[in-house]
Amino acid sequence: MEIRRFNRYELKYLIHASEYRRLVRDLEPFMTPDPHGDVDGFYRVTSLYYDSPDYQCYRAKIDGLLFRRKLRLRIYPGTNILQVKKGFVEIKQRMNRTVQKRRVILPLSQAKALCHGDF
């Protein structure tokens, strides 16, 4: 089982839906389509987030804590969610403005068990 780590610095911007196409057109020369995507570069992603009984992860986000983390199970179902064979268990944490993600790829049943604490 290999755990992969990613560090990144995120800046998020709110734009109006009417600006989307112009923004994409302006950025296209600097982007490469995702090889896992369809002809338009899109693919399906399904995420299930886990939290404590008192919603500790949710409250940390709402309270704007500079150190917080969350656990999720992510799958890429393609056209048939029933044929998914593997899951990505991810711990995403934020430290000030840096986001770190650790993830492991497992057979879907093992990924679910790990997120449920049964692994």
PDB file of N, CA and C in Angstrom:
ATOM      1  N   MET A   1       0.852  -1.164   0.000  1.00  0.00           N
ATOM      2  CA  MET A   1       0.000   0.000   0.000  1.00  0.00           C
ATOM      3  C   MET A   1       0.904   1.235   0.000  1.00  0.00           C
ATOM      4  N   GLU A   2       0.832   2.023  -1.050  1.00  0.00           N
ATOM      5  CA  GLU A   2       1.646   3.227  -1.175  1.00  0.00           C
ATOM      6  C   GLU A   2       0.799   4.460  -0.865  1.00  0.00           C
ATOM      7  N   ILE A   3       1.259   5.267   0.067  1.00  0.00           N
ATOM      8  CA  ILE A   3       0.583   6.520   0.390  1.00  0.00           C
ATOM      9  C   ILE A   3       1.265   7.630  -0.386  1.00  0.00           C
ATOM     10  N   ARG A   4       0.501   8.335  -1.188  1.00  0.00           N
ATOM     11  CA  ARG A   4       1.040   9.452  -1.967  1.00  0.00           C
ATOM     12  C   ARG A   4       0.712  10.749  -1.257  1.00  0.00           C
ATOM     13  N   ARG A   5       1.625  11.698  -1.311  1.00  0.00           N
ATOM     14  CA  ARG A   5       1.441  12.998  -0.663  1.00  0.00           C
ATOM     15  C   ARG A   5       1.501  14.111  -1.704  1.00  0.00           C
ATOM     16  N   PHE A   6       0.630  15.077  -1.527  1.00  0.00           N
ATOM     17  CA  PHE A   6       0.592  16.234  -2.409  1.00  0.00           C
ATOM     18  C   PHE A   6       0.566  17.478  -1.524  1.00  0.00           C
ATOM     19  N   ASN A   7       1.357  18.463  -1.829  1.00  0.00           N
ATOM     20  CA  ASN A   7       1.297  19.762  -1.167  1.00  0.00           C
ATOM     21  C   ASN A   7       0.980  20.802  -2.227  1.00  0.00           C
ATOM     22  N   ARG A   8       0.112  21.733  -1.872  1.00  0.00           N
ATOM     23  CA  ARG A   8      -0.182  22.806  -2.811  1.00  0.00           C
ATOM     24  C   ARG A   8      -0.688  24.023  -2.060  1.00  0.00           C
ATOM     25  N   TYR A   9      -0.626  25.115  -2.740  1.00  0.00           N
ATOM     26  CA  TYR A   9      -1.090  26.386  -2.212  1.00  0.00           C
ATOM     27  C   TYR A   9      -2.297  26.765  -3.050  1.00  0.00           C
ATOM     28  N   GLU A  10      -3.453  26.910  -2.432  1.00  0.00           N
ATOM     29  CA  GLU A  10      -4.684  27.142  -3.178  1.00  0.00           C
ATOM     30  C   GLU A  10      -5.160  28.574  -3.038  1.00  0.00           C
ATOM     31  N   LEU A  11      -5.545  29.135  -4.157  1.00  0.00           N
ATOM     32  CA  LEU A  11      -6.251  30.415  -4.184  1.00  0.00           C
ATOM     33  C   LEU A  11      -7.553  30.157  -4.928  1.00  0.00           C
ATOM     34  N   LYS A  12      -8.654  30.540  -4.333  1.00  0.00           N
ATOM     35  CA  LYS A  12      -9.950  30.302  -4.957  1.00  0.00           C
ATOM     36  C   LYS A  12     -10.617  31.638  -5.233  1.00  0.00           C
ATOM     37  N   TYR A  13     -11.260  31.706  -6.387  1.00  0.00           N
ATOM     38  CA  TYR A  13     -11.909  32.939  -6.798  1.00  0.00           C
ATOM     39  C   TYR A  13     -13.358  32.645  -7.171  1.00  0.00           C
ATOM     40  N   LEU A  14     -14.212  33.564  -6.877  1.00  0.00           N
ATOM     41  CA  LEU A  14     -15.618  33.453  -7.232  1.00  0.00           C
ATOM     42  C   LEU A  14     -15.849  34.250  -8.510  1.00  0.00           C
ATOM     43  N   ILE A  15     -16.388  33.587  -9.523  1.00  0.00           N
ATOM     44  CA  ILE A  15     -16.715  34.289 -10.763  1.00  0.00           C
ATOM     45  C   ILE A  15     -18.182  34.030 -11.083  1.00  0.00           C
ATOM     46  N   HIS A  16     -18.763  34.907 -11.832  1.00  0.00           N
ATOM     47  CA  HIS A  16     -20.146  34.742 -12.264  1.00  0.00           C
ATOM     48  C   HIS A  16     -20.184  33.697 -13.385  1.00  0.00           C
ATOM     49  N   ALA A  17     -21.247  32.922 -13.432  1.00  0.00           N
ATOM     50  CA  ALA A  17     -21.379  31.853 -14.434  1.00  0.00           C
ATOM     51  C   ALA A  17     -21.230  32.394 -15.855  1.00  0.00           C
ATOM     52  N   SER A  18     -21.657  33.620 -16.090  1.00  0.00           N
ATOM     53  CA  SER A  18     -21.556  34.193 -17.435  1.00  0.00           C
ATOM     54  C   SER A  18     -20.101  34.425 -17.855  1.00  0.00           C
ATOM     55  N   GLU A  19     -19.158  34.439 -16.919  1.00  0.00           N
ATOM     56  CA  GLU A  19     -17.746  34.669 -17.223  1.00  0.00           C
ATOM     57  C   GLU A  19     -16.978  33.367 -17.490  1.00  0.00           C
ATOM     58  N   TYR A  20     -17.599  32.232 -17.220  1.00  0.00           N
ATOM     59  CA  TYR A  20     -16.912  30.941 -17.303  1.00  0.00           C
ATOM     60  C   TYR A  20     -16.297  30.676 -18.673  1.00  0.00           C
ATOM     61  N   ARG A  21     -17.080  30.768 -19.726  1.00  0.00           N
ATOM     62  CA  ARG A  21     -16.579  30.420 -21.066  1.00  0.00           C
ATOM     63  C   ARG A  21     -15.418  31.329 -21.494  1.00  0.00           C
ATOM     64  N   ARG A  22     -15.507  32.610 -21.190  1.00  0.00           N
ATOM     65  CA  ARG A  22     -14.424  33.531 -21.555  1.00  0.00           C
ATOM     66  C   ARG A  22     -13.155  33.196 -20.780  1.00  0.00           C
ATOM     67  N   LEU A  23     -13.308  32.882 -19.507  1.00  0.00           N
ATOM     68  CA  LEU A  23     -12.149  32.534 -18.686  1.00  0.00           C
ATOM     69  C   LEU A  23     -11.471  31.270 -19.208  1.00  0.00           C
ATOM     70  N   VAL A  24     -12.260  30.250 -19.517  1.00  0.00           N
ATOM     71  CA  VAL A  24     -11.704  29.008 -20.057  1.00  0.00           C
ATOM     72  C   VAL A  24     -10.995  29.280 -21.378  1.00  0.00           C
ATOM     73  N   ARG A  25     -11.598  30.061 -22.246  1.00  0.00           N
ATOM     74  CA  ARG A  25     -10.978  30.384 -23.543  1.00  0.00           C
ATOM     75  C   ARG A  25      -9.633  31.093 -23.342  1.00  0.00           C
ATOM     76  N   ASP A  26      -9.579  32.023 -22.384  1.00  0.00           N
ATOM     77  CA  ASP A  26      -8.343  32.763 -22.120  1.00  0.00           C
ATOM     78  C   ASP A  26      -7.257  31.871 -21.516  1.00  0.00           C
ATOM     79  N   LEU A  27      -7.651  30.861 -20.732  1.00  0.00           N
ATOM     80  CA  LEU A  27      -6.680  29.998 -20.058  1.00  0.00           C
ATOM     81  C   LEU A  27      -6.259  28.780 -20.885  1.00  0.00           C
ATOM     82  N   GLU A  28      -7.057  28.425 -21.901  1.00  0.00           N
ATOM     83  CA  GLU A  28      -6.779  27.216 -22.689  1.00  0.00           C
ATOM     84  C   GLU A  28      -5.347  27.115 -23.220  1.00  0.00           C
ATOM     85  N   PRO A  29      -4.738  28.190 -23.678  1.00  0.00           N
ATOM     86  CA  PRO A  29      -3.361  28.054 -24.175  1.00  0.00           C
ATOM     87  C   PRO A  29      -2.358  27.606 -23.104  1.00  0.00           C
ATOM     88  N   PHE A  30      -2.726  27.738 -21.851  1.00  0.00           N
ATOM     89  CA  PHE A  30      -1.821  27.392 -20.748  1.00  0.00           C
ATOM     90  C   PHE A  30      -2.177  26.065 -20.081  1.00  0.00           C
ATOM     91  N   MET A  31      -3.201  25.366 -20.582  1.00  0.00           N
ATOM     92  CA  MET A  31      -3.681  24.141 -19.946  1.00  0.00           C
ATOM     93  C   MET A  31      -3.518  22.945 -20.885  1.00  0.00           C
ATOM     94  N   THR A  32      -3.400  21.768 -20.268  1.00  0.00           N
ATOM     95  CA  THR A  32      -3.361  20.506 -20.995  1.00  0.00           C
ATOM     96  C   THR A  32      -4.571  19.686 -20.563  1.00  0.00           C
ATOM     97  N   PRO A  33      -5.359  19.158 -21.503  1.00  0.00           N
ATOM     98  CA  PRO A  33      -6.524  18.355 -21.108  1.00  0.00           C
ATOM     99  C   PRO A  33      -6.113  17.142 -20.273  1.00  0.00           C
ATOM    100  N   ASP A  34      -6.937  16.795 -19.317  1.00  0.00           N
ATOM    101  CA  ASP A  34      -6.677  15.633 -18.473  1.00  0.00           C
ATOM    102  C   ASP A  34      -6.796  14.375 -19.332  1.00  0.00           C
ATOM    103  N   PRO A  35      -5.755  13.534 -19.350  1.00  0.00           N
ATOM    104  CA  PRO A  35      -5.811  12.335 -20.191  1.00  0.00           C
ATOM    105  C   PRO A  35      -6.869  11.326 -19.748  1.00  0.00           C
ATOM    106  N   HIS A  36      -7.376  11.452 -18.523  1.00  0.00           N
ATOM    107  CA  HIS A  36      -8.408  10.538 -18.030  1.00  0.00           C
ATOM    108  C   HIS A  36      -9.808  11.000 -18.407  1.00  0.00           C
ATOM    109  N   GLY A  37      -9.917  12.194 -18.963  1.00  0.00           N
ATOM    110  CA  GLY A  37     -11.222  12.757 -19.281  1.00  0.00           C
ATOM    111  C   GLY A  37     -11.774  12.284 -20.613  1.00  0.00           C
ATOM    112  N   ASP A  38     -13.008  12.695 -20.863  1.00  0.00           N
ATOM    113  CA  ASP A  38     -13.636  12.386 -22.146  1.00  0.00           C
ATOM    114  C   ASP A  38     -13.112  13.375 -23.193  1.00  0.00           C
ATOM    115  N   VAL A  39     -13.765  13.458 -24.337  1.00  0.00           N
ATOM    116  CA  VAL A  39     -13.287  14.343 -25.402  1.00  0.00           C
ATOM    117  C   VAL A  39     -13.249  15.809 -24.979  1.00  0.00           C
ATOM    118  N   ASP A  40     -14.098  16.183 -24.046  1.00  0.00           N
ATOM    119  CA  ASP A  40     -14.110  17.561 -23.549  1.00  0.00           C
ATOM    120  C   ASP A  40     -13.217  17.743 -22.322  1.00  0.00           C
ATOM    121  N   GLY A  41     -12.548  16.655 -21.887  1.00  0.00           N
ATOM    122  CA  GLY A  41     -11.660  16.746 -20.735  1.00  0.00           C
ATOM    123  C   GLY A  41     -12.361  16.550 -19.396  1.00  0.00           C
ATOM    124  N   PHE A  42     -13.629  16.161 -19.423  1.00  0.00           N
ATOM    125  CA  PHE A  42     -14.389  15.988 -18.191  1.00  0.00           C
ATOM    126  C   PHE A  42     -14.444  14.524 -17.772  1.00  0.00           C
ATOM    127  N   TYR A  43     -14.587  14.280 -16.477  1.00  0.00           N
ATOM    128  CA  TYR A  43     -14.817  12.940 -15.954  1.00  0.00           C
ATOM    129  C   TYR A  43     -15.593  13.058 -14.649  1.00  0.00           C
ATOM    130  N   ARG A  44     -16.253  11.978 -14.291  1.00  0.00           N
ATOM    131  CA  ARG A  44     -17.066  11.966 -13.076  1.00  0.00           C
ATOM    132  C   ARG A  44     -16.204  11.689 -11.859  1.00  0.00           C
ATOM    133  N   VAL A  45     -16.519  12.377 -10.770  1.00  0.00           N
ATOM    134  CA  VAL A  45     -15.859  12.173  -9.486  1.00  0.00           C
ATOM    135  C   VAL A  45     -16.967  12.113  -8.444  1.00  0.00           C
ATOM    136  N   THR A  46     -16.915  11.118  -7.581  1.00  0.00           N
ATOM    137  CA  THR A  46     -17.874  11.002  -6.490  1.00  0.00           C
ATOM    138  C   THR A  46     -17.094  10.923  -5.187  1.00  0.00           C
ATOM    139  N   SER A  47     -17.437  11.789  -4.244  1.00  0.00           N
ATOM    140  CA  SER A  47     -16.732  11.838  -2.961  1.00  0.00           C
ATOM    141  C   SER A  47     -17.717  11.676  -1.811  1.00  0.00           C
ATOM    142  N   LEU A  48     -17.308  10.890  -0.829  1.00  0.00           N
ATOM    143  CA  LEU A  48     -18.085  10.709   0.392  1.00  0.00           C
ATOM    144  C   LEU A  48     -17.200  11.187   1.541  1.00  0.00           C
ATOM    145  N   TYR A  49     -17.652  12.221   2.241  1.00  0.00           N
ATOM    146  CA  TYR A  49     -16.876  12.795   3.334  1.00  0.00           C
ATOM    147  C   TYR A  49     -17.316  12.191   4.663  1.00  0.00           C
ATOM    148  N   TYR A  50     -16.351  11.950   5.527  1.00  0.00           N
ATOM    149  CA  TYR A  50     -16.604  11.379   6.847  1.00  0.00           C
ATOM    150  C   TYR A  50     -16.345  12.453   7.898  1.00  0.00           C
ATOM    151  N   ASP A  51     -17.099  12.398   8.988  1.00  0.00           N
ATOM    152  CA  ASP A  51     -16.942  13.362  10.070  1.00  0.00           C
ATOM    153  C   ASP A  51     -17.203  12.673  11.396  1.00  0.00           C
ATOM    154  N   SER A  52     -16.906  13.344  12.472  1.00  0.00           N
ATOM    155  CA  SER A  52     -17.165  12.811  13.812  1.00  0.00           C
ATOM    156  C   SER A  52     -18.636  13.006  14.153  1.00  0.00           C
ATOM    157  N   PRO A  53     -19.143  12.325  15.180  1.00  0.00           N
ATOM    158  CA  PRO A  53     -20.554  12.496  15.561  1.00  0.00           C
ATOM    159  C   PRO A  53     -20.919  13.945  15.909  1.00  0.00           C
ATOM    160  N   ASP A  54     -19.943  14.731  16.372  1.00  0.00           N
ATOM    161  CA  ASP A  54     -20.242  16.133  16.700  1.00  0.00           C
ATOM    162  C   ASP A  54     -19.838  17.087  15.567  1.00  0.00           C
ATOM    163  N   TYR A  55     -19.604  16.557  14.365  1.00  0.00           N
ATOM    164  CA  TYR A  55     -19.295  17.347  13.170  1.00  0.00           C
ATOM    165  C   TYR A  55     -18.056  18.226  13.335  1.00  0.00           C
ATOM    166  N   GLN A  56     -17.011  17.653  13.897  1.00  0.00           N
ATOM    167  CA  GLN A  56     -15.775  18.393  14.149  1.00  0.00           C
ATOM    168  C   GLN A  56     -15.162  18.959  12.861  1.00  0.00           C
ATOM    169  N   CYS A  57     -15.142  18.172  11.795  1.00  0.00           N
ATOM    170  CA  CYS A  57     -14.560  18.644  10.526  1.00  0.00           C
ATOM    171  C   CYS A  57     -15.382  19.790   9.940  1.00  0.00           C
ATOM    172  N   TYR A  58     -16.684  19.645   9.972  1.00  0.00           N
ATOM    173  CA  TYR A  58     -17.565  20.679   9.447  1.00  0.00           C
ATOM    174  C   TYR A  58     -17.407  21.972  10.245  1.00  0.00           C
ATOM    175  N   ARG A  59     -17.398  21.860  11.567  1.00  0.00           N
ATOM    176  CA  ARG A  59     -17.282  23.056  12.406  1.00  0.00           C
ATOM    177  C   ARG A  59     -15.940  23.752  12.213  1.00  0.00           C
ATOM    178  N   ALA A  60     -14.868  22.988  12.009  1.00  0.00           N
ATOM    179  CA  ALA A  60     -13.550  23.586  11.774  1.00  0.00           C
ATOM    180  C   ALA A  60     -13.566  24.431  10.501  1.00  0.00           C
ATOM    181  N   LYS A  61     -14.253  23.939   9.473  1.00  0.00           N
ATOM    182  CA  LYS A  61     -14.369  24.691   8.211  1.00  0.00           C
ATOM    183  C   LYS A  61     -15.191  25.964   8.421  1.00  0.00           C
ATOM    184  N   ILE A  62     -16.342  25.834   9.049  1.00  0.00           N
ATOM    185  CA  ILE A  62     -17.225  26.985   9.277  1.00  0.00           C
ATOM    186  C   ILE A  62     -16.543  28.027  10.156  1.00  0.00           C
ATOM    187  N   ASP A  63     -15.796  27.570  11.154  1.00  0.00           N
ATOM    188  CA  ASP A  63     -15.110  28.486  12.068  1.00  0.00           C
ATOM    189  C   ASP A  63     -13.847  29.093  11.448  1.00  0.00           C
ATOM    190  N   GLY A  64     -13.452  28.607  10.266  1.00  0.00           N
ATOM    191  CA  GLY A  64     -12.287  29.155   9.587  1.00  0.00           C
ATOM    192  C   GLY A  64     -10.965  28.830  10.255  1.00  0.00           C
ATOM    193  N   LEU A  65     -10.904  27.676  10.935  1.00  0.00           N
ATOM    194  CA  LEU A  65      -9.661  27.294  11.601  1.00  0.00           C
ATOM    195  C   LEU A  65      -8.534  27.170  10.576  1.00  0.00           C
ATOM    196  N   LEU A  66      -7.358  27.646  10.934  1.00  0.00           N
ATOM    197  CA  LEU A  66      -6.226  27.596  10.019  1.00  0.00           C
ATOM    198  C   LEU A  66      -5.589  26.216   9.955  1.00  0.00           C
ATOM    199  N   PHE A  67      -5.883  25.357  10.926  1.00  0.00           N
ATOM    200  CA  PHE A  67      -5.442  23.962  10.856  1.00  0.00           C
ATOM    201  C   PHE A  67      -6.684  23.091  10.948  1.00  0.00           C
ATOM    202  N   ARG A  68      -6.958  22.360   9.900  1.00  0.00           N
ATOM    203  CA  ARG A  68      -8.119  21.460   9.892  1.00  0.00           C
ATOM    204  C   ARG A  68      -7.839  20.323   8.929  1.00  0.00           C
ATOM    205  N   ARG A  69      -8.568  19.232   9.109  1.00  0.00           N
ATOM    206  CA  ARG A  69      -8.414  18.094   8.199  1.00  0.00           C
ATOM    207  C   ARG A  69      -9.755  17.417   7.994  1.00  0.00           C
ATOM    208  N   LYS A  70      -9.818  16.644   6.904  1.00  0.00           N
ATOM    209  CA  LYS A  70     -11.032  15.888   6.607  1.00  0.00           C
ATOM    210  C   LYS A  70     -10.657  14.585   5.931  1.00  0.00           C
ATOM    211  N   LEU A  71     -11.541  13.625   6.071  1.00  0.00           N
ATOM    212  CA  LEU A  71     -11.368  12.289   5.502  1.00  0.00           C
ATOM    213  C   LEU A  71     -12.439  12.078   4.449  1.00  0.00           C
ATOM    214  N   ARG A  72     -12.021  11.560   3.314  1.00  0.00           N
ATOM    215  CA  ARG A  72     -13.017  11.266   2.271  1.00  0.00           C
ATOM    216  C   ARG A  72     -12.645  10.005   1.519  1.00  0.00           C
ATOM    217  N   LEU A  73     -13.672   9.412   0.950  1.00  0.00           N
ATOM    218  CA  LEU A  73     -13.537   8.286   0.031  1.00  0.00           C
ATOM    219  C   LEU A  73     -13.922   8.819  -1.331  1.00  0.00           C
ATOM    220  N   ARG A  74     -13.041   8.695  -2.289  1.00  0.00           N
ATOM    221  CA  ARG A  74     -13.291   9.245  -3.620  1.00  0.00           C
ATOM    222  C   ARG A  74     -13.217   8.122  -4.639  1.00  0.00           C
ATOM    223  N   ILE A  75     -14.168   8.145  -5.570  1.00  0.00           N
ATOM    224  CA  ILE A  75     -14.164   7.196  -6.684  1.00  0.00           C
ATOM    225  C   ILE A  75     -14.355   7.951  -7.989  1.00  0.00           C
ATOM    226  N   TYR A  76     -13.929   7.316  -9.058  1.00  0.00           N
ATOM    227  CA  TYR A  76     -14.072   7.854 -10.407  1.00  0.00           C
ATOM    228  C   TYR A  76     -14.902   6.841 -11.193  1.00  0.00           C
ATOM    229  N   PRO A  77     -16.236   7.004 -11.177  1.00  0.00           N
ATOM    230  CA  PRO A  77     -17.115   5.933 -11.679  1.00  0.00           C
ATOM    231  C   PRO A  77     -17.239   5.792 -13.187  1.00  0.00           C
ATOM    232  N   GLY A  78     -16.750   6.708 -13.973  1.00  0.00           N
ATOM    233  CA  GLY A  78     -16.951   6.578 -15.417  1.00  0.00           C
ATOM    234  C   GLY A  78     -18.432   6.595 -15.730  1.00  0.00           C
ATOM    235  N   THR A  79     -18.871   5.689 -16.582  1.00  0.00           N
ATOM    236  CA  THR A  79     -20.286   5.665 -16.957  1.00  0.00           C
ATOM    237  C   THR A  79     -21.123   4.723 -16.107  1.00  0.00           C
ATOM    238  N   ASN A  80     -20.478   3.867 -15.284  1.00  0.00           N
ATOM    239  CA  ASN A  80     -21.233   2.904 -14.485  1.00  0.00           C
ATOM    240  C   ASN A  80     -20.651   2.810 -13.079  1.00  0.00           C
ATOM    241  N   ILE A  81     -21.339   3.415 -12.130  1.00  0.00           N
ATOM    242  CA  ILE A  81     -20.845   3.435 -10.754  1.00  0.00           C
ATOM    243  C   ILE A  81     -20.789   2.035 -10.141  1.00  0.00           C
ATOM    244  N   LEU A  82     -21.569   1.104 -10.652  1.00  0.00           N
ATOM    245  CA  LEU A  82     -21.583  -0.261 -10.122  1.00  0.00           C
ATOM    246  C   LEU A  82     -20.347  -1.065 -10.523  1.00  0.00           C
ATOM    247  N   GLN A  83     -19.582  -0.559 -11.477  1.00  0.00           N
ATOM    248  CA  GLN A  83     -18.381  -1.266 -11.922  1.00  0.00           C
ATOM    249  C   GLN A  83     -17.100  -0.732 -11.288  1.00  0.00           C
ATOM    250  N   VAL A  84     -17.219   0.168 -10.327  1.00  0.00           N
ATOM    251  CA  VAL A  84     -16.033   0.735  -9.678  1.00  0.00           C
ATOM    252  C   VAL A  84     -15.334  -0.345  -8.871  1.00  0.00           C
ATOM    253  N   LYS A  85     -14.041  -0.485  -9.072  1.00  0.00           N
ATOM    254  CA  LYS A  85     -13.261  -1.542  -8.413  1.00  0.00           C
ATOM    255  C   LYS A  85     -12.321  -1.017  -7.336  1.00  0.00           C
ATOM    256  N   LYS A  86     -11.954   0.277  -7.411  1.00  0.00           N
ATOM    257  CA  LYS A  86     -11.009   0.815  -6.437  1.00  0.00           C
ATOM    258  C   LYS A  86     -11.491   2.152  -5.897  1.00  0.00           C
ATOM    259  N   GLY A  87     -11.007   2.476  -4.707  1.00  0.00           N
ATOM    260  CA  GLY A  87     -11.358   3.732  -4.066  1.00  0.00           C
ATOM    261  C   GLY A  87     -10.108   4.436  -3.563  1.00  0.00           C
ATOM    262  N   PHE A  88     -10.166   5.723  -3.509  1.00  0.00           N
ATOM    263  CA  PHE A  88      -9.068   6.540  -3.020  1.00  0.00           C
ATOM    264  C   PHE A  88      -9.453   7.054  -1.634  1.00  0.00           C
ATOM    265  N   VAL A  89      -8.743   6.628  -0.612  1.00  0.00           N
ATOM    266  CA  VAL A  89      -8.963   7.140   0.739  1.00  0.00           C
ATOM    267  C   VAL A  89      -8.025   8.330   0.872  1.00  0.00           C
ATOM    268  N   GLU A  90      -8.601   9.481   1.183  1.00  0.00           N
ATOM    269  CA  GLU A  90      -7.813  10.708   1.223  1.00  0.00           C
ATOM    270  C   GLU A  90      -7.986  11.446   2.544  1.00  0.00           C
ATOM    271  N   ILE A  91      -6.885  11.909   3.068  1.00  0.00           N
ATOM    272  CA  ILE A  91      -6.907  12.832   4.208  1.00  0.00           C
ATOM    273  C   ILE A  91      -6.383  14.150   3.658  1.00  0.00           C
ATOM    274  N   LYS A  92      -7.231  15.138   3.723  1.00  0.00           N
ATOM    275  CA  LYS A  92      -6.861  16.456   3.233  1.00  0.00           C
ATOM    276  C   LYS A  92      -6.763  17.360   4.449  1.00  0.00           C
ATOM    277  N   GLN A  93      -5.646  18.037   4.578  1.00  0.00           N
ATOM    278  CA  GLN A  93      -5.519  18.941   5.717  1.00  0.00           C
ATOM    279  C   GLN A  93      -4.979  20.279   5.260  1.00  0.00           C
ATOM    280  N   ARG A  94      -5.392  21.273   5.987  1.00  0.00           N
ATOM    281  CA  ARG A  94      -4.983  22.641   5.695  1.00  0.00           C
ATOM    282  C   ARG A  94      -4.177  23.150   6.873  1.00  0.00           C
ATOM    283  N   MET A  95      -3.011  23.719   6.572  1.00  0.00           N
ATOM    284  CA  MET A  95      -2.182  24.367   7.580  1.00  0.00           C
ATOM    285  C   MET A  95      -1.934  25.784   7.082  1.00  0.00           C
ATOM    286  N   ASN A  96      -2.597  26.734   7.709  1.00  0.00           N
ATOM    287  CA  ASN A  96      -2.588  28.122   7.246  1.00  0.00           C
ATOM    288  C   ASN A  96      -3.108  28.164   5.818  1.00  0.00           C
ATOM    289  N   ARG A  97      -2.274  28.513   4.842  1.00  0.00           N
ATOM    290  CA  ARG A  97      -2.753  28.585   3.458  1.00  0.00           C
ATOM    291  C   ARG A  97      -2.233  27.435   2.602  1.00  0.00           C
ATOM    292  N   THR A  98      -1.543  26.483   3.214  1.00  0.00           N
ATOM    293  CA  THR A  98      -1.025  25.326   2.474  1.00  0.00           C
ATOM    294  C   THR A  98      -1.963  24.142   2.668  1.00  0.00           C
ATOM    295  N   VAL A  99      -2.282  23.476   1.586  1.00  0.00           N
ATOM    296  CA  VAL A  99      -3.148  22.303   1.616  1.00  0.00           C
ATOM    297  C   VAL A  99      -2.286  21.079   1.327  1.00  0.00           C
ATOM    298  N   GLN A 100      -2.416  20.074   2.154  1.00  0.00           N
ATOM    299  CA  GLN A 100      -1.700  18.819   1.963  1.00  0.00           C
ATOM    300  C   GLN A 100      -2.723  17.705   1.827  1.00  0.00           C
ATOM    301  N   LYS A 101      -2.494  16.840   0.862  1.00  0.00           N
ATOM    302  CA  LYS A 101      -3.386  15.701   0.675  1.00  0.00           C
ATOM    303  C   LYS A 101      -2.539  14.441   0.676  1.00  0.00           C
ATOM    304  N   ARG A 102      -2.999  13.465   1.445  1.00  0.00           N
ATOM    305  CA  ARG A 102      -2.390  12.130   1.444  1.00  0.00           C
ATOM    306  C   ARG A 102      -3.461  11.167   0.987  1.00  0.00           C
ATOM    307  N   ARG A 103      -3.092  10.271   0.100  1.00  0.00           N
ATOM    308  CA  ARG A 103      -4.095   9.325  -0.374  1.00  0.00           C
ATOM    309  C   ARG A 103      -3.483   7.986  -0.689  1.00  0.00           C
ATOM    310  N   VAL A 104      -4.341   6.987  -0.550  1.00  0.00           N
ATOM    311  CA  VAL A 104      -3.955   5.626  -0.865  1.00  0.00           C
ATOM    312  C   VAL A 104      -5.062   5.023  -1.731  1.00  0.00           C
ATOM    313  N   ILE A 105      -4.659   4.226  -2.706  1.00  0.00           N
ATOM    314  CA  ILE A 105      -5.616   3.544  -3.591  1.00  0.00           C
ATOM    315  C   ILE A 105      -5.750   2.111  -3.107  1.00  0.00           C
ATOM    316  N   LEU A 106      -7.006   1.696  -2.878  1.00  0.00           N
ATOM    317  CA  LEU A 106      -7.292   0.353  -2.376  1.00  0.00           C
ATOM    318  C   LEU A 106      -8.455  -0.246  -3.148  1.00  0.00           C
ATOM    319  N   PRO A 107      -8.608  -1.576  -3.102  1.00  0.00           N
ATOM    320  CA  PRO A 107      -9.860  -2.160  -3.590  1.00  0.00           C
ATOM    321  C   PRO A 107     -11.018  -1.477  -2.844  1.00  0.00           C
ATOM    322  N   LEU A 108     -12.110  -1.235  -3.526  1.00  0.00           N
ATOM    323  CA  LEU A 108     -13.198  -0.443  -2.963  1.00  0.00           C
ATOM    324  C   LEU A 108     -13.679  -0.958  -1.614  1.00  0.00           C
ATOM    325  N   SER A 109     -13.804  -2.265  -1.451  1.00  0.00           N
ATOM    326  CA  SER A 109     -14.279  -2.803  -0.170  1.00  0.00           C
ATOM    327  C   SER A 109     -13.304  -2.475   0.954  1.00  0.00           C
ATOM    328  N   GLN A 110     -12.003  -2.535   0.679  1.00  0.00           N
ATOM    329  CA  GLN A 110     -11.003  -2.193   1.700  1.00  0.00           C
ATOM    330  C   GLN A 110     -11.000  -0.694   1.991  1.00  0.00           C
ATOM    331  N   ALA A 111     -11.199   0.111   0.967  1.00  0.00           N
ATOM    332  CA  ALA A 111     -11.249   1.564   1.153  1.00  0.00           C
ATOM    333  C   ALA A 111     -12.426   1.940   2.063  1.00  0.00           C
ATOM    334  N   LYS A 112     -13.579   1.319   1.814  1.00  0.00           N
ATOM    335  CA  LYS A 112     -14.750   1.576   2.672  1.00  0.00           C
ATOM    336  C   LYS A 112     -14.474   1.130   4.097  1.00  0.00           C
ATOM    337  N   ALA A 113     -13.879  -0.039   4.260  1.00  0.00           N
ATOM    338  CA  ALA A 113     -13.579  -0.556   5.592  1.00  0.00           C
ATOM    339  C   ALA A 113     -12.625   0.368   6.332  1.00  0.00           C
ATOM    340  N   LEU A 114     -11.616   0.863   5.652  1.00  0.00           N
ATOM    341  CA  LEU A 114     -10.667   1.778   6.285  1.00  0.00           C
ATOM    342  C   LEU A 114     -11.360   3.057   6.759  1.00  0.00           C
ATOM    343  N   CYS A 115     -12.222   3.621   5.936  1.00  0.00           N
ATOM    344  CA  CYS A 115     -12.947   4.846   6.314  1.00  0.00           C
ATOM    345  C   CYS A 115     -13.915   4.597   7.470  1.00  0.00           C
ATOM    346  N   HIS A 116     -14.405   3.398   7.590  1.00  0.00           N
ATOM    347  CA  HIS A 116     -15.316   3.051   8.678  1.00  0.00           C
ATOM    348  C   HIS A 116     -14.585   2.616   9.926  1.00  0.00           C
ATOM    349  N   GLY A 117     -13.242   2.528   9.843  1.00  0.00           N
ATOM    350  CA  GLY A 117     -12.444   2.115  11.001  1.00  0.00           C
ATOM    351  C   GLY A 117     -12.393   0.614  11.209  1.00  0.00           C
ATOM    352  N   ASP A 118     -12.750  -0.146  10.157  1.00  0.00           N
ATOM    353  CA  ASP A 118     -12.809  -1.612  10.260  1.00  0.00           C
ATOM    354  C   ASP A 118     -11.632  -2.295   9.581  1.00  0.00           C
ATOM    355  N   PHE A 119     -10.593  -1.600   9.243  1.00  0.00           N
ATOM    356  CA  PHE A 119      -9.474  -2.148   8.463  1.00  0.00           C
ATOM    357  C   PHE A 119      -8.331  -2.541   9.360  1.00  0.00           C
TER     358      PHE A 119
END
